[in-house]
Amino acid sequence: MNNKVIERVKAELKPIDTEERAREIIDETTEVIQICGISFTPSRILEELDPIAFSCAVSDIIDGENLTEIDGEYYDENEVQDIIDEVEQEEEERERLEAEEEEETEEEN
């Protein structure tokens, strides 16, 4: 991935908080736990009581979601691909314009 893409991704896209995404998925797929009438979210219980299992859940989510890592941050793979496509189109257009200018210069000589 070239520097132009990396710069644009960092400037235009918000990194995905993988831990927050893991909490959301855990809480969406597991029922709230009640102890003595007090409700606890499953993600909080897992994160507090077994941080290693929570880290594994975060890793599983990173692997299962379509994410692209750039400098330790994760971004939506589709959004990154859109930027890659745009940069490639811009470079192709620049090359086409340079070739046209070169042809015009040769015709003048």
C-alpha atoms as a PDB file:
ATOM      1  CA  MET A   1       0.000   0.000   0.000  1.00  0.00           C
ATOM      2  CA  ASN A   2       1.533   3.287  -1.035  1.00  0.00           C
ATOM      3  CA  ASN A   3       2.012   6.338   1.182  1.00  0.00           C
ATOM      4  CA  LYS A   4      -0.663   8.349  -0.598  1.00  0.00           C
ATOM      5  CA  VAL A   5      -3.269   5.701   0.262  1.00  0.00           C
ATOM      6  CA  ILE A   6      -2.099   5.507   3.875  1.00  0.00           C
ATOM      7  CA  GLU A   7      -2.224   9.293   4.260  1.00  0.00           C
ATOM      8  CA  ARG A   8      -5.734   9.481   2.810  1.00  0.00           C
ATOM      9  CA  VAL A   9      -7.009   6.600   4.945  1.00  0.00           C
ATOM     10  CA  LYS A  10      -5.702   8.256   8.100  1.00  0.00           C
ATOM     11  CA  ALA A  11      -7.128  11.635   7.086  1.00  0.00           C
ATOM     12  CA  GLU A  12     -10.520  10.471   5.814  1.00  0.00           C
ATOM     13  CA  LEU A  13     -11.465   7.376   7.794  1.00  0.00           C
ATOM     14  CA  LYS A  14     -12.050   6.808  11.471  1.00  0.00           C
ATOM     15  CA  PRO A  15     -10.233   3.795  12.932  1.00  0.00           C
ATOM     16  CA  ILE A  16     -12.495   1.067  14.260  1.00  0.00           C
ATOM     17  CA  ASP A  17     -12.272   0.558  18.014  1.00  0.00           C
ATOM     18  CA  THR A  18     -11.913  -3.215  17.947  1.00  0.00           C
ATOM     19  CA  GLU A  19     -12.438  -3.591  21.695  1.00  0.00           C
ATOM     20  CA  GLU A  20     -15.667  -1.598  21.527  1.00  0.00           C
ATOM     21  CA  ARG A  21     -16.769  -3.633  18.521  1.00  0.00           C
ATOM     22  CA  ALA A  22     -16.058  -6.832  20.510  1.00  0.00           C
ATOM     23  CA  ARG A  23     -18.121  -5.522  23.430  1.00  0.00           C
ATOM     24  CA  GLU A  24     -21.024  -4.761  21.087  1.00  0.00           C
ATOM     25  CA  ILE A  25     -20.949  -8.217  19.512  1.00  0.00           C
ATOM     26  CA  ILE A  26     -20.635 -10.015  22.847  1.00  0.00           C
ATOM     27  CA  ASP A  27     -23.499  -7.986  24.314  1.00  0.00           C
ATOM     28  CA  GLU A  28     -25.688  -8.513  21.230  1.00  0.00           C
ATOM     29  CA  THR A  29     -25.187 -12.268  21.250  1.00  0.00           C
ATOM     30  CA  THR A  30     -25.254 -13.021  24.975  1.00  0.00           C
ATOM     31  CA  GLU A  31     -27.972 -12.269  27.502  1.00  0.00           C
ATOM     32  CA  VAL A  32     -27.474  -9.767  30.307  1.00  0.00           C
ATOM     33  CA  ILE A  33     -26.450 -11.467  33.551  1.00  0.00           C
ATOM     34  CA  GLN A  34     -28.312 -10.618  36.729  1.00  0.00           C
ATOM     35  CA  ILE A  35     -26.907 -11.182  40.171  1.00  0.00           C
ATOM     36  CA  CYS A  36     -29.049 -10.204  43.166  1.00  0.00           C
ATOM     37  CA  GLY A  37     -31.138  -7.959  40.928  1.00  0.00           C
ATOM     38  CA  ILE A  38     -28.158  -6.142  39.479  1.00  0.00           C
ATOM     39  CA  SER A  39     -27.632  -6.413  35.713  1.00  0.00           C
ATOM     40  CA  PHE A  40     -24.199  -6.813  34.164  1.00  0.00           C
ATOM     41  CA  THR A  41     -23.311  -6.813  30.496  1.00  0.00           C
ATOM     42  CA  PRO A  42     -21.607 -10.001  29.332  1.00  0.00           C
ATOM     43  CA  SER A  43     -18.747  -8.056  27.784  1.00  0.00           C
ATOM     44  CA  ARG A  44     -17.967  -6.312  31.052  1.00  0.00           C
ATOM     45  CA  ILE A  45     -17.975  -9.580  32.951  1.00  0.00           C
ATOM     46  CA  LEU A  46     -15.685 -11.214  30.422  1.00  0.00           C
ATOM     47  CA  GLU A  47     -13.344  -8.222  30.216  1.00  0.00           C
ATOM     48  CA  GLU A  48     -13.084  -7.854  34.004  1.00  0.00           C
ATOM     49  CA  LEU A  49     -12.942 -11.507  35.034  1.00  0.00           C
ATOM     50  CA  ASP A  50     -11.010 -13.021  32.141  1.00  0.00           C
ATOM     51  CA  PRO A  51      -9.057 -10.369  30.207  1.00  0.00           C
ATOM     52  CA  ILE A  52      -7.233 -13.049  28.216  1.00  0.00           C
ATOM     53  CA  ALA A  53     -10.523 -14.511  26.938  1.00  0.00           C
ATOM     54  CA  PHE A  54     -11.678 -10.979  26.128  1.00  0.00           C
ATOM     55  CA  SER A  55      -8.463 -10.350  24.148  1.00  0.00           C
ATOM     56  CA  CYS A  56      -9.076 -13.594  22.276  1.00  0.00           C
ATOM     57  CA  ALA A  57     -12.616 -12.425  21.482  1.00  0.00           C
ATOM     58  CA  VAL A  58     -11.198  -9.147  20.138  1.00  0.00           C
ATOM     59  CA  SER A  59      -8.736 -11.100  17.962  1.00  0.00           C
ATOM     60  CA  ASP A  60     -11.524 -13.356  16.688  1.00  0.00           C
ATOM     61  CA  ILE A  61     -13.606 -10.321  15.777  1.00  0.00           C
ATOM     62  CA  ILE A  62     -10.673  -8.711  13.963  1.00  0.00           C
ATOM     63  CA  ASP A  63     -10.211 -11.950  12.018  1.00  0.00           C
ATOM     64  CA  GLY A  64     -13.939 -12.311  11.314  1.00  0.00           C
ATOM     65  CA  GLU A  65     -14.641  -8.755  10.250  1.00  0.00           C
ATOM     66  CA  ASN A  66     -13.399  -7.259   7.007  1.00  0.00           C
ATOM     67  CA  LEU A  67     -10.752  -4.991   8.493  1.00  0.00           C
ATOM     68  CA  THR A  68      -7.490  -3.632   7.136  1.00  0.00           C
ATOM     69  CA  GLU A  69      -4.653  -2.803   9.514  1.00  0.00           C
ATOM     70  CA  ILE A  70      -2.635   0.338   8.896  1.00  0.00           C
ATOM     71  CA  ASP A  71      -0.005   1.352  11.433  1.00  0.00           C
ATOM     72  CA  GLY A  72      -1.711  -0.593  14.222  1.00  0.00           C
ATOM     73  CA  GLU A  73      -5.173   0.830  13.558  1.00  0.00           C
ATOM     74  CA  TYR A  74      -8.033  -1.054  11.928  1.00  0.00           C
ATOM     75  CA  TYR A  75     -10.235   0.338   9.179  1.00  0.00           C
ATOM     76  CA  ASP A  76     -13.189  -1.006   7.216  1.00  0.00           C
ATOM     77  CA  GLU A  77     -11.740  -2.984   4.322  1.00  0.00           C
ATOM     78  CA  ASN A  78     -14.337  -1.739   1.823  1.00  0.00           C
ATOM     79  CA  GLU A  79     -13.697   1.909   2.674  1.00  0.00           C
ATOM     80  CA  VAL A  80      -9.942   1.387   2.336  1.00  0.00           C
ATOM     81  CA  GLN A  81     -10.468  -0.310  -1.024  1.00  0.00           C
ATOM     82  CA  ASP A  82     -12.536   2.670  -2.208  1.00  0.00           C
ATOM     83  CA  ILE A  83      -9.596   4.969  -1.413  1.00  0.00           C
ATOM     84  CA  ILE A  84      -7.159   2.609  -3.139  1.00  0.00           C
ATOM     85  CA  ASP A  85      -9.365   2.654  -6.250  1.00  0.00           C
ATOM     86  CA  GLU A  86      -9.598   6.463  -6.182  1.00  0.00           C
ATOM     87  CA  VAL A  87      -5.822   6.862  -5.824  1.00  0.00           C
ATOM     88  CA  GLU A  88      -5.227   4.426  -8.694  1.00  0.00           C
ATOM     89  CA  GLN A  89      -7.671   6.375 -10.896  1.00  0.00           C
ATOM     90  CA  GLU A  90      -5.964   9.661 -10.000  1.00  0.00           C
ATOM     91  CA  GLU A  91      -2.547   8.197 -10.852  1.00  0.00           C
ATOM     92  CA  GLU A  92      -3.810   6.817 -14.172  1.00  0.00           C
ATOM     93  CA  GLU A  93      -5.288  10.224 -15.032  1.00  0.00           C
ATOM     94  CA  ARG A  94      -2.040  11.963 -14.084  1.00  0.00           C
ATOM     95  CA  GLU A  95      -0.043   9.556 -16.259  1.00  0.00           C
ATOM     96  CA  ARG A  96      -2.460  10.074 -19.163  1.00  0.00           C
ATOM     97  CA  LEU A  97      -2.139  13.861 -18.882  1.00  0.00           C
ATOM     98  CA  GLU A  98       1.656  13.647 -18.714  1.00  0.00           C
ATOM     99  CA  ALA A  99       1.693  11.469 -21.833  1.00  0.00           C
ATOM    100  CA  GLU A 100      -0.533  13.966 -23.663  1.00  0.00           C
ATOM    101  CA  GLU A 101       1.731  16.851 -22.661  1.00  0.00           C
ATOM    102  CA  GLU A 102       4.772  14.909 -23.838  1.00  0.00           C
ATOM    103  CA  GLU A 103       3.106  14.216 -27.202  1.00  0.00           C
ATOM    104  CA  GLU A 104       2.250  17.920 -27.600  1.00  0.00           C
ATOM    105  CA  THR A 105       5.841  18.873 -26.818  1.00  0.00           C
ATOM    106  CA  GLU A 106       7.157  16.422 -29.400  1.00  0.00           C
ATOM    107  CA  GLU A 107       4.720  17.731 -32.033  1.00  0.00           C
ATOM    108  CA  GLU A 108       5.893  21.294 -31.416  1.00  0.00           C
ATOM    109  CA  ASN A 109       9.507  20.296 -32.072  1.00  0.00           C
END
